Amino acid sequence: MTLAERKTQLLKLKEDLNDLREMSEDARAPVILDQQSVGRLSRMDALQGQAMAEATERQRQADLVRIENALRRIETGDYGFCLECEEEIPEKRLDIDPAAALCVRCAG
């Protein structure tokens, strides 16, 4: 895959993550604990759902940072090389994770 194709792939992933972020905004909203209208188990379910949505958002944010860093490496000519050992990252690894910054050996 060419660098231009990788860049397009990374930009698409970024767009998809931002779309998911917008769609899940309601799930991350604070839970209103109205004792009169919601039972104890329903409140617990709502709080658990909110916590899961927040954890997913943190992972999404981390993925967006990884994608931004990969896009920066494309611009500087460092994309596709391990940040630790500076060896070339195999194409198959980049196919699986286009934002990978480390080769398999250094990531493990």
PDB file of N, CA and C in Angstrom:
ATOM      1  N   MET A   1       0.861  -1.173   0.000  1.00  0.00           N
ATOM      2  CA  MET A   1       0.000   0.000   0.000  1.00  0.00           C
ATOM      3  C   MET A   1       0.908   1.237   0.000  1.00  0.00           C
ATOM      4  N   THR A   2       0.562   2.224  -0.787  1.00  0.00           N
ATOM      5  CA  THR A   2       1.368   3.442  -0.856  1.00  0.00           C
ATOM      6  C   THR A   2       1.105   4.330   0.359  1.00  0.00           C
ATOM      7  N   LEU A   3       1.991   5.292   0.566  1.00  0.00           N
ATOM      8  CA  LEU A   3       1.803   6.234   1.680  1.00  0.00           C
ATOM      9  C   LEU A   3       0.514   7.034   1.510  1.00  0.00           C
ATOM     10  N   ALA A   4       0.192   7.397   0.278  1.00  0.00           N
ATOM     11  CA  ALA A   4      -1.048   8.140   0.030  1.00  0.00           C
ATOM     12  C   ALA A   4      -2.264   7.295   0.416  1.00  0.00           C
ATOM     13  N   GLU A   5      -2.207   6.010   0.094  1.00  0.00           N
ATOM     14  CA  GLU A   5      -3.309   5.112   0.466  1.00  0.00           C
ATOM     15  C   GLU A   5      -3.384   4.935   1.981  1.00  0.00           C
ATOM     16  N   ARG A   6      -2.227   4.836   2.632  1.00  0.00           N
ATOM     17  CA  ARG A   6      -2.212   4.725   4.102  1.00  0.00           C
ATOM     18  C   ARG A   6      -2.794   5.991   4.729  1.00  0.00           C
ATOM     19  N   LYS A   7      -2.410   7.141   4.185  1.00  0.00           N
ATOM     20  CA  LYS A   7      -2.923   8.403   4.715  1.00  0.00           C
ATOM     21  C   LYS A   7      -4.440   8.456   4.581  1.00  0.00           C
ATOM     22  N   THR A   8      -4.957   8.045   3.424  1.00  0.00           N
ATOM     23  CA  THR A   8      -6.399   8.005   3.209  1.00  0.00           C
ATOM     24  C   THR A   8      -7.057   7.053   4.194  1.00  0.00           C
ATOM     25  N   GLN A   9      -6.430   5.904   4.419  1.00  0.00           N
ATOM     26  CA  GLN A   9      -6.954   4.916   5.372  1.00  0.00           C
ATOM     27  C   GLN A   9      -6.995   5.505   6.779  1.00  0.00           C
ATOM     28  N   LEU A  10      -5.930   6.165   7.195  1.00  0.00           N
ATOM     29  CA  LEU A  10      -5.875   6.763   8.533  1.00  0.00           C
ATOM     30  C   LEU A  10      -6.894   7.887   8.686  1.00  0.00           C
ATOM     31  N   LEU A  11      -7.048   8.703   7.662  1.00  0.00           N
ATOM     32  CA  LEU A  11      -8.041   9.789   7.717  1.00  0.00           C
ATOM     33  C   LEU A  11      -9.461   9.235   7.819  1.00  0.00           C
ATOM     34  N   LYS A  12      -9.722   8.126   7.145  1.00  0.00           N
ATOM     35  CA  LYS A  12     -11.038   7.485   7.213  1.00  0.00           C
ATOM     36  C   LYS A  12     -11.278   6.929   8.621  1.00  0.00           C
ATOM     37  N   LEU A  13     -10.259   6.288   9.193  1.00  0.00           N
ATOM     38  CA  LEU A  13     -10.384   5.786  10.567  1.00  0.00           C
ATOM     39  C   LEU A  13     -10.661   6.924  11.537  1.00  0.00           C
ATOM     40  N   LYS A  14      -9.967   8.034  11.358  1.00  0.00           N
ATOM     41  CA  LYS A  14     -10.165   9.208  12.211  1.00  0.00           C
ATOM     42  C   LYS A  14     -11.598   9.728  12.089  1.00  0.00           C
ATOM     43  N   GLU A  15     -12.078   9.813  10.871  1.00  0.00           N
ATOM     44  CA  GLU A  15     -13.452  10.271  10.634  1.00  0.00           C
ATOM     45  C   GLU A  15     -14.460   9.334  11.285  1.00  0.00           C
ATOM     46  N   ASP A  16     -14.248   8.030  11.144  1.00  0.00           N
ATOM     47  CA  ASP A  16     -15.153   7.044  11.747  1.00  0.00           C
ATOM     48  C   ASP A  16     -15.170   7.167  13.270  1.00  0.00           C
ATOM     49  N   LEU A  17     -13.990   7.343  13.873  1.00  0.00           N
ATOM     50  CA  LEU A  17     -13.922   7.487  15.328  1.00  0.00           C
ATOM     51  C   LEU A  17     -14.624   8.756  15.794  1.00  0.00           C
ATOM     52  N   ASN A  18     -14.458   9.832  15.063  1.00  0.00           N
ATOM     53  CA  ASN A  18     -15.142  11.075  15.424  1.00  0.00           C
ATOM     54  C   ASN A  18     -16.651  10.940  15.275  1.00  0.00           C
ATOM     55  N   ASP A  19     -17.110  10.207  14.255  1.00  0.00           N
ATOM     56  CA  ASP A  19     -18.548   9.951  14.092  1.00  0.00           C
ATOM     57  C   ASP A  19     -19.085   9.150  15.277  1.00  0.00           C
ATOM     58  N   LEU A  20     -18.350   8.107  15.669  1.00  0.00           N
ATOM     59  CA  LEU A  20     -18.760   7.295  16.820  1.00  0.00           C
ATOM     60  C   LEU A  20     -18.797   8.132  18.089  1.00  0.00           C
ATOM     61  N   ARG A  21     -17.852   9.038  18.202  1.00  0.00           N
ATOM     62  CA  ARG A  21     -17.790   9.910  19.367  1.00  0.00           C
ATOM     63  C   ARG A  21     -19.054  10.756  19.478  1.00  0.00           C
ATOM     64  N   GLU A  22     -19.471  11.312  18.374  1.00  0.00           N
ATOM     65  CA  GLU A  22     -20.685  12.135  18.370  1.00  0.00           C
ATOM     66  C   GLU A  22     -21.916  11.293  18.694  1.00  0.00           C
ATOM     67  N   MET A  23     -21.986  10.088  18.125  1.00  0.00           N
ATOM     68  CA  MET A  23     -23.152   9.234  18.346  1.00  0.00           C
ATOM     69  C   MET A  23     -23.263   8.765  19.796  1.00  0.00           C
ATOM     70  N   SER A  24     -22.137   8.639  20.484  1.00  0.00           N
ATOM     71  CA  SER A  24     -22.172   8.111  21.848  1.00  0.00           C
ATOM     72  C   SER A  24     -22.204   9.210  22.906  1.00  0.00           C
ATOM     73  N   GLU A  25     -22.343  10.444  22.487  1.00  0.00           N
ATOM     74  CA  GLU A  25     -22.330  11.559  23.429  1.00  0.00           C
ATOM     75  C   GLU A  25     -23.399  11.421  24.508  1.00  0.00           C
ATOM     76  N   ASP A  26     -24.600  11.005  24.120  1.00  0.00           N
ATOM     77  CA  ASP A  26     -25.689  10.862  25.092  1.00  0.00           C
ATOM     78  C   ASP A  26     -25.373   9.796  26.138  1.00  0.00           C
ATOM     79  N   ALA A  27     -24.702   8.725  25.725  1.00  0.00           N
ATOM     80  CA  ALA A  27     -24.391   7.646  26.656  1.00  0.00           C
ATOM     81  C   ALA A  27     -23.402   8.090  27.724  1.00  0.00           C
ATOM     82  N   ARG A  28     -22.600   9.105  27.411  1.00  0.00           N
ATOM     83  CA  ARG A  28     -21.608   9.595  28.372  1.00  0.00           C
ATOM     84  C   ARG A  28     -22.135  10.735  29.238  1.00  0.00           C
ATOM     85  N   ALA A  29     -23.349  11.170  28.970  1.00  0.00           N
ATOM     86  CA  ALA A  29     -23.929  12.283  29.728  1.00  0.00           C
ATOM     87  C   ALA A  29     -24.123  11.867  31.184  1.00  0.00           C
ATOM     88  N   PRO A  30     -24.061  12.823  32.091  1.00  0.00           N
ATOM     89  CA  PRO A  30     -24.271  12.499  33.507  1.00  0.00           C
ATOM     90  C   PRO A  30     -25.636  11.847  33.738  1.00  0.00           C
ATOM     91  N   VAL A  31     -25.637  10.882  34.617  1.00  0.00           N
ATOM     92  CA  VAL A  31     -26.876  10.178  34.956  1.00  0.00           C
ATOM     93  C   VAL A  31     -27.601  10.979  36.026  1.00  0.00           C
ATOM     94  N   ILE A  32     -28.864  11.260  35.778  1.00  0.00           N
ATOM     95  CA  ILE A  32     -29.680  11.984  36.752  1.00  0.00           C
ATOM     96  C   ILE A  32     -30.270  10.958  37.712  1.00  0.00           C
ATOM     97  N   LEU A  33     -29.968  11.119  38.966  1.00  0.00           N
ATOM     98  CA  LEU A  33     -30.401  10.156  39.975  1.00  0.00           C
ATOM     99  C   LEU A  33     -31.666  10.647  40.666  1.00  0.00           C
ATOM    100  N   ASP A  34     -32.772  10.484  39.984  1.00  0.00           N
ATOM    101  CA  ASP A  34     -34.069  10.876  40.521  1.00  0.00           C
ATOM    102  C   ASP A  34     -34.650   9.673  41.255  1.00  0.00           C
ATOM    103  N   GLN A  35     -34.623   9.726  42.569  1.00  0.00           N
ATOM    104  CA  GLN A  35     -35.070   8.612  43.394  1.00  0.00           C
ATOM    105  C   GLN A  35     -36.542   8.273  43.178  1.00  0.00           C
ATOM    106  N   GLN A  36     -37.343   9.230  42.754  1.00  0.00           N
ATOM    107  CA  GLN A  36     -38.776   9.009  42.605  1.00  0.00           C
ATOM    108  C   GLN A  36     -39.125   8.239  41.328  1.00  0.00           C
ATOM    109  N   SER A  37     -38.414   8.531  40.237  1.00  0.00           N
ATOM    110  CA  SER A  37     -38.844   7.976  38.954  1.00  0.00           C
ATOM    111  C   SER A  37     -38.042   6.767  38.499  1.00  0.00           C
ATOM    112  N   VAL A  38     -36.906   6.508  39.114  1.00  0.00           N
ATOM    113  CA  VAL A  38     -36.063   5.402  38.663  1.00  0.00           C
ATOM    114  C   VAL A  38     -35.734   4.515  39.848  1.00  0.00           C
ATOM    115  N   GLY A  39     -35.884   3.217  39.653  1.00  0.00           N
ATOM    116  CA  GLY A  39     -35.565   2.271  40.713  1.00  0.00           C
ATOM    117  C   GLY A  39     -34.064   2.106  40.898  1.00  0.00           C
ATOM    118  N   ARG A  40     -33.695   1.482  41.987  1.00  0.00           N
ATOM    119  CA  ARG A  40     -32.288   1.312  42.344  1.00  0.00           C
ATOM    120  C   ARG A  40     -31.519   0.563  41.259  1.00  0.00           C
ATOM    121  N   LEU A  41     -32.060  -0.529  40.745  1.00  0.00           N
ATOM    122  CA  LEU A  41     -31.370  -1.310  39.713  1.00  0.00           C
ATOM    123  C   LEU A  41     -31.255  -0.535  38.408  1.00  0.00           C
ATOM    124  N   SER A  42     -32.273   0.235  38.077  1.00  0.00           N
ATOM    125  CA  SER A  42     -32.215   1.046  36.864  1.00  0.00           C
ATOM    126  C   SER A  42     -31.119   2.098  36.976  1.00  0.00           C
ATOM    127  N   ARG A  43     -30.974   2.687  38.153  1.00  0.00           N
ATOM    128  CA  ARG A  43     -29.914   3.686  38.364  1.00  0.00           C
ATOM    129  C   ARG A  43     -28.551   3.025  38.237  1.00  0.00           C
ATOM    130  N   MET A  44     -28.417   1.837  38.816  1.00  0.00           N
ATOM    131  CA  MET A  44     -27.153   1.114  38.729  1.00  0.00           C
ATOM    132  C   MET A  44     -26.827   0.770  37.275  1.00  0.00           C
ATOM    133  N   ASP A  45     -27.826   0.341  36.530  1.00  0.00           N
ATOM    134  CA  ASP A  45     -27.625   0.042  35.107  1.00  0.00           C
ATOM    135  C   ASP A  45     -27.197   1.293  34.345  1.00  0.00           C
ATOM    136  N   ALA A  46     -27.844   2.409  34.650  1.00  0.00           N
ATOM    137  CA  ALA A  46     -27.518   3.667  33.972  1.00  0.00           C
ATOM    138  C   ALA A  46     -26.094   4.104  34.295  1.00  0.00           C
ATOM    139  N   LEU A  47     -25.692   3.976  35.558  1.00  0.00           N
ATOM    140  CA  LEU A  47     -24.335   4.351  35.950  1.00  0.00           C
ATOM    141  C   LEU A  47     -23.299   3.425  35.313  1.00  0.00           C
ATOM    142  N   GLN A  48     -23.618   2.135  35.246  1.00  0.00           N
ATOM    143  CA  GLN A  48     -22.710   1.189  34.612  1.00  0.00           C
ATOM    144  C   GLN A  48     -22.588   1.487  33.118  1.00  0.00           C
ATOM    145  N   GLY A  49     -23.706   1.776  32.475  1.00  0.00           N
ATOM    146  CA  GLY A  49     -23.686   2.129  31.052  1.00  0.00           C
ATOM    147  C   GLY A  49     -22.859   3.379  30.798  1.00  0.00           C
ATOM    148  N   GLN A  50     -23.005   4.358  31.677  1.00  0.00           N
ATOM    149  CA  GLN A  50     -22.235   5.590  31.539  1.00  0.00           C
ATOM    150  C   GLN A  50     -20.743   5.309  31.717  1.00  0.00           C
ATOM    151  N   ALA A  51     -20.384   4.507  32.690  1.00  0.00           N
ATOM    152  CA  ALA A  51     -18.974   4.175  32.931  1.00  0.00           C
ATOM    153  C   ALA A  51     -18.372   3.443  31.738  1.00  0.00           C
ATOM    154  N   MET A  52     -19.132   2.529  31.150  1.00  0.00           N
ATOM    155  CA  MET A  52     -18.646   1.810  29.970  1.00  0.00           C
ATOM    156  C   MET A  52     -18.477   2.761  28.787  1.00  0.00           C
ATOM    157  N   ALA A  53     -19.404   3.687  28.618  1.00  0.00           N
ATOM    158  CA  ALA A  53     -19.313   4.662  27.529  1.00  0.00           C
ATOM    159  C   ALA A  53     -18.108   5.573  27.720  1.00  0.00           C
ATOM    160  N   GLU A  54     -17.826   5.945  28.963  1.00  0.00           N
ATOM    161  CA  GLU A  54     -16.662   6.788  29.246  1.00  0.00           C
ATOM    162  C   GLU A  54     -15.361   6.038  28.979  1.00  0.00           C
ATOM    163  N   ALA A  55     -15.310   4.760  29.337  1.00  0.00           N
ATOM    164  CA  ALA A  55     -14.112   3.954  29.074  1.00  0.00           C
ATOM    165  C   ALA A  55     -13.894   3.799  27.573  1.00  0.00           C
ATOM    166  N   THR A  56     -14.967   3.588  26.848  1.00  0.00           N
ATOM    167  CA  THR A  56     -14.875   3.486  25.388  1.00  0.00           C
ATOM    168  C   THR A  56     -14.381   4.794  24.793  1.00  0.00           C
ATOM    169  N   GLU A  57     -14.845   5.904  25.326  1.00  0.00           N
ATOM    170  CA  GLU A  57     -14.408   7.214  24.835  1.00  0.00           C
ATOM    171  C   GLU A  57     -12.926   7.440  25.107  1.00  0.00           C
ATOM    172  N   ARG A  58     -12.445   7.006  26.263  1.00  0.00           N
ATOM    173  CA  ARG A  58     -11.009   7.135  26.558  1.00  0.00           C
ATOM    174  C   ARG A  58     -10.181   6.342  25.558  1.00  0.00           C
ATOM    175  N   GLN A  59     -10.637   5.136  25.219  1.00  0.00           N
ATOM    176  CA  GLN A  59      -9.927   4.311  24.229  1.00  0.00           C
ATOM    177  C   GLN A  59      -9.986   4.964  22.856  1.00  0.00           C
ATOM    178  N   ARG A  60     -11.137   5.524  22.532  1.00  0.00           N
ATOM    179  CA  ARG A  60     -11.305   6.209  21.249  1.00  0.00           C
ATOM    180  C   ARG A  60     -10.345   7.398  21.160  1.00  0.00           C
ATOM    181  N   GLN A  61     -10.210   8.142  22.266  1.00  0.00           N
ATOM    182  CA  GLN A  61      -9.288   9.285  22.307  1.00  0.00           C
ATOM    183  C   GLN A  61      -7.847   8.818  22.095  1.00  0.00           C
ATOM    184  N   ALA A  62      -7.478   7.728  22.738  1.00  0.00           N
ATOM    185  CA  ALA A  62      -6.127   7.181  22.584  1.00  0.00           C
ATOM    186  C   ALA A  62      -5.890   6.769  21.130  1.00  0.00           C
ATOM    187  N   ASP A  63      -6.894   6.162  20.505  1.00  0.00           N
ATOM    188  CA  ASP A  63      -6.775   5.769  19.103  1.00  0.00           C
ATOM    189  C   ASP A  63      -6.630   6.988  18.197  1.00  0.00           C
ATOM    190  N   LEU A  64      -7.353   8.052  18.504  1.00  0.00           N
ATOM    191  CA  LEU A  64      -7.240   9.280  17.706  1.00  0.00           C
ATOM    192  C   LEU A  64      -5.835   9.878  17.823  1.00  0.00           C
ATOM    193  N   VAL A  65      -5.258   9.830  19.005  1.00  0.00           N
ATOM    194  CA  VAL A  65      -3.896  10.322  19.196  1.00  0.00           C
ATOM    195  C   VAL A  65      -2.918   9.476  18.383  1.00  0.00           C
ATOM    196  N   ARG A  66      -3.094   8.162  18.415  1.00  0.00           N
ATOM    197  CA  ARG A  66      -2.228   7.263  17.631  1.00  0.00           C
ATOM    198  C   ARG A  66      -2.341   7.567  16.140  1.00  0.00           C
ATOM    199  N   ILE A  67      -3.559   7.822  15.674  1.00  0.00           N
ATOM    200  CA  ILE A  67      -3.771   8.131  14.261  1.00  0.00           C
ATOM    201  C   ILE A  67      -3.108   9.462  13.905  1.00  0.00           C
ATOM    202  N   GLU A  68      -3.275  10.471  14.756  1.00  0.00           N
ATOM    203  CA  GLU A  68      -2.632  11.769  14.511  1.00  0.00           C
ATOM    204  C   GLU A  68      -1.115  11.621  14.453  1.00  0.00           C
ATOM    205  N   ASN A  69      -0.563  10.821  15.355  1.00  0.00           N
ATOM    206  CA  ASN A  69       0.881  10.596  15.356  1.00  0.00           C
ATOM    207  C   ASN A  69       1.329   9.883  14.079  1.00  0.00           C
ATOM    208  N   ALA A  70       0.541   8.920  13.621  1.00  0.00           N
ATOM    209  CA  ALA A  70       0.870   8.218  12.374  1.00  0.00           C
ATOM    210  C   ALA A  70       0.818   9.180  11.184  1.00  0.00           C
ATOM    211  N   LEU A  71      -0.184  10.052  11.158  1.00  0.00           N
ATOM    212  CA  LEU A  71      -0.274  11.040  10.077  1.00  0.00           C
ATOM    213  C   LEU A  71       0.936  11.977  10.107  1.00  0.00           C
ATOM    214  N   ARG A  72       1.374  12.342  11.294  1.00  0.00           N
ATOM    215  CA  ARG A  72       2.570  13.190  11.430  1.00  0.00           C
ATOM    216  C   ARG A  72       3.810  12.463  10.913  1.00  0.00           C
ATOM    217  N   ARG A  73       3.900  11.159  11.228  1.00  0.00           N
ATOM    218  CA  ARG A  73       5.049  10.377  10.749  1.00  0.00           C
ATOM    219  C   ARG A  73       5.040  10.263   9.231  1.00  0.00           C
ATOM    220  N   ILE A  74       3.862  10.207   8.628  1.00  0.00           N
ATOM    221  CA  ILE A  74       3.787  10.190   7.159  1.00  0.00           C
ATOM    222  C   ILE A  74       4.372  11.484   6.613  1.00  0.00           C
ATOM    223  N   GLU A  75       4.000  12.595   7.213  1.00  0.00           N
ATOM    224  CA  GLU A  75       4.473  13.908   6.742  1.00  0.00           C
ATOM    225  C   GLU A  75       5.988  14.070   6.905  1.00  0.00           C
ATOM    226  N   THR A  76       6.545  13.489   7.965  1.00  0.00           N
ATOM    227  CA  THR A  76       7.982  13.647   8.216  1.00  0.00           C
ATOM    228  C   THR A  76       8.819  12.556   7.553  1.00  0.00           C
ATOM    229  N   GLY A  77       8.149  11.554   6.969  1.00  0.00           N
ATOM    230  CA  GLY A  77       8.886  10.476   6.312  1.00  0.00           C
ATOM    231  C   GLY A  77       9.299   9.356   7.243  1.00  0.00           C
ATOM    232  N   ASP A  78       8.788   9.360   8.479  1.00  0.00           N
ATOM    233  CA  ASP A  78       9.145   8.332   9.456  1.00  0.00           C
ATOM    234  C   ASP A  78       8.119   7.208   9.540  1.00  0.00           C
ATOM    235  N   TYR A  79       7.042   7.308   8.790  1.00  0.00           N
ATOM    236  CA  TYR A  79       5.971   6.309   8.872  1.00  0.00           C
ATOM    237  C   TYR A  79       6.484   4.958   8.386  1.00  0.00           C
ATOM    238  N   GLY A  80       6.085   3.922   9.111  1.00  0.00           N
ATOM    239  CA  GLY A  80       6.439   2.562   8.713  1.00  0.00           C
ATOM    240  C   GLY A  80       7.745   2.082   9.332  1.00  0.00           C
ATOM    241  N   PHE A  81       8.343   2.911  10.183  1.00  0.00           N
ATOM    242  CA  PHE A  81       9.566   2.528  10.869  1.00  0.00           C
ATOM    243  C   PHE A  81       9.322   2.531  12.375  1.00  0.00           C
ATOM    244  N   CYS A  82       9.824   1.508  13.045  1.00  0.00           N
ATOM    245  CA  CYS A  82       9.643   1.350  14.489  1.00  0.00           C
ATOM    246  C   CYS A  82      10.277   2.515  15.238  1.00  0.00           C
ATOM    247  N   LEU A  83       9.555   3.072  16.186  1.00  0.00           N
ATOM    248  CA  LEU A  83      10.078   4.172  16.991  1.00  0.00           C
ATOM    249  C   LEU A  83      11.179   3.724  17.951  1.00  0.00           C
ATOM    250  N   GLU A  84      11.233   2.431  18.264  1.00  0.00           N
ATOM    251  CA  GLU A  84      12.240   1.913  19.194  1.00  0.00           C
ATOM    252  C   GLU A  84      13.520   1.498  18.473  1.00  0.00           C
ATOM    253  N   CYS A  85      13.409   0.550  17.560  1.00  0.00           N
ATOM    254  CA  CYS A  85      14.601  -0.018  16.914  1.00  0.00           C
ATOM    255  C   CYS A  85      14.872   0.574  15.530  1.00  0.00           C
ATOM    256  N   GLU A  86      13.943   1.357  15.035  1.00  0.00           N
ATOM    257  CA  GLU A  86      14.039   2.040  13.739  1.00  0.00           C
ATOM    258  C   GLU A  86      14.038   1.095  12.541  1.00  0.00           C
ATOM    259  N   GLU A  87      13.702  -0.178  12.779  1.00  0.00           N
ATOM    260  CA  GLU A  87      13.551  -1.142  11.678  1.00  0.00           C
ATOM    261  C   GLU A  87      12.205  -0.904  11.006  1.00  0.00           C
ATOM    262  N   GLU A  88      12.095  -1.345   9.770  1.00  0.00           N
ATOM    263  CA  GLU A  88      10.840  -1.184   9.041  1.00  0.00           C
ATOM    264  C   GLU A  88       9.759  -2.083   9.649  1.00  0.00           C
ATOM    265  N   ILE A  89       8.583  -1.523   9.834  1.00  0.00           N
ATOM    266  CA  ILE A  89       7.439  -2.291  10.341  1.00  0.00           C
ATOM    267  C   ILE A  89       6.861  -3.070   9.163  1.00  0.00           C
ATOM    268  N   PRO A  90       6.668  -4.385   9.320  1.00  0.00           N
ATOM    269  CA  PRO A  90       6.142  -5.181   8.204  1.00  0.00           C
ATOM    270  C   PRO A  90       4.787  -4.663   7.705  1.00  0.00           C
ATOM    271  N   GLU A  91       4.609  -4.757   6.417  1.00  0.00           N
ATOM    272  CA  GLU A  91       3.376  -4.287   5.759  1.00  0.00           C
ATOM    273  C   GLU A  91       2.138  -4.954   6.356  1.00  0.00           C
ATOM    274  N   LYS A  92       2.251  -6.255   6.671  1.00  0.00           N
ATOM    275  CA  LYS A  92       1.096  -6.973   7.230  1.00  0.00           C
ATOM    276  C   LYS A  92       0.679  -6.385   8.582  1.00  0.00           C
ATOM    277  N   ARG A  93       1.645  -5.942   9.379  1.00  0.00           N
ATOM    278  CA  ARG A  93       1.311  -5.313  10.672  1.00  0.00           C
ATOM    279  C   ARG A  93       0.595  -3.987  10.434  1.00  0.00           C
ATOM    280  N   LEU A  94       1.057  -3.237   9.455  1.00  0.00           N
ATOM    281  CA  LEU A  94       0.402  -1.959   9.142  1.00  0.00           C
ATOM    282  C   LEU A  94      -0.971  -2.178   8.525  1.00  0.00           C
ATOM    283  N   ASP A  95      -1.155  -3.316   7.843  1.00  0.00           N
ATOM    284  CA  ASP A  95      -2.488  -3.641   7.311  1.00  0.00           C
ATOM    285  C   ASP A  95      -3.474  -3.850   8.462  1.00  0.00           C
ATOM    286  N   ILE A  96      -3.000  -4.496   9.513  1.00  0.00           N
ATOM    287  CA  ILE A  96      -3.849  -4.765  10.675  1.00  0.00           C
ATOM    288  C   ILE A  96      -4.056  -3.507  11.500  1.00  0.00           C
ATOM    289  N   ASP A  97      -2.980  -2.758  11.724  1.00  0.00           N
ATOM    290  CA  ASP A  97      -3.022  -1.541  12.541  1.00  0.00           C
ATOM    291  C   ASP A  97      -2.215  -0.461  11.843  1.00  0.00           C
ATOM    292  N   PRO A  98      -2.867   0.341  10.995  1.00  0.00           N
ATOM    293  CA  PRO A  98      -2.136   1.368  10.238  1.00  0.00           C
ATOM    294  C   PRO A  98      -1.512   2.457  11.111  1.00  0.00           C
ATOM    295  N   ALA A  99      -1.904   2.536  12.376  1.00  0.00           N
ATOM    296  CA  ALA A  99      -1.320   3.525  13.283  1.00  0.00           C
ATOM    297  C   ALA A  99      -0.187   2.944  14.122  1.00  0.00           C
ATOM    298  N   ALA A 100       0.213   1.706  13.836  1.00  0.00           N
ATOM    299  CA  ALA A 100       1.265   1.057  14.621  1.00  0.00           C
ATOM    300  C   ALA A 100       2.555   1.880  14.567  1.00  0.00           C
ATOM    301  N   ALA A 101       3.152   2.075  15.731  1.00  0.00           N
ATOM    302  CA  ALA A 101       4.387   2.848  15.814  1.00  0.00           C
ATOM    303  C   ALA A 101       5.584   1.952  16.158  1.00  0.00           C
ATOM    304  N   LEU A 102       5.295   0.710  16.530  1.00  0.00           N
ATOM    305  CA  LEU A 102       6.348  -0.223  16.930  1.00  0.00           C
ATOM    306  C   LEU A 102       6.240  -1.516  16.129  1.00  0.00           C
ATOM    307  N   CYS A 103       7.384  -2.141  15.882  1.00  0.00           N
ATOM    308  CA  CYS A 103       7.360  -3.463  15.256  1.00  0.00           C
ATOM    309  C   CYS A 103       6.865  -4.477  16.282  1.00  0.00           C
ATOM    310  N   VAL A 104       6.594  -5.682  15.861  1.00  0.00           N
ATOM    311  CA  VAL A 104       6.054  -6.704  16.763  1.00  0.00           C
ATOM    312  C   VAL A 104       7.029  -6.986  17.901  1.00  0.00           C
ATOM    313  N   ARG A 105       8.316  -7.075  17.585  1.00  0.00           N
ATOM    314  CA  ARG A 105       9.320  -7.388  18.606  1.00  0.00           C
ATOM    315  C   ARG A 105       9.345  -6.311  19.701  1.00  0.00           C
ATOM    316  N   CYS A 106       9.352  -5.050  19.305  1.00  0.00           N
ATOM    317  CA  CYS A 106       9.428  -3.963  20.288  1.00  0.00           C
ATOM    318  C   CYS A 106       8.094  -3.748  21.013  1.00  0.00           C
ATOM    319  N   ALA A 107       6.996  -4.083  20.368  1.00  0.00           N
ATOM    320  CA  ALA A 107       5.668  -3.923  20.988  1.00  0.00           C
ATOM    321  C   ALA A 107       5.426  -4.989  22.031  1.00  0.00           C
ATOM    322  N   GLY A 108       6.089  -6.142  21.880  1.00  0.00           N
ATOM    323  CA  GLY A 108       5.850  -7.270  22.773  1.00  0.00           C
ATOM    324  C   GLY A 108       6.628  -7.200  23.995  1.00  0.00           C
TER     325      GLY A 108
END
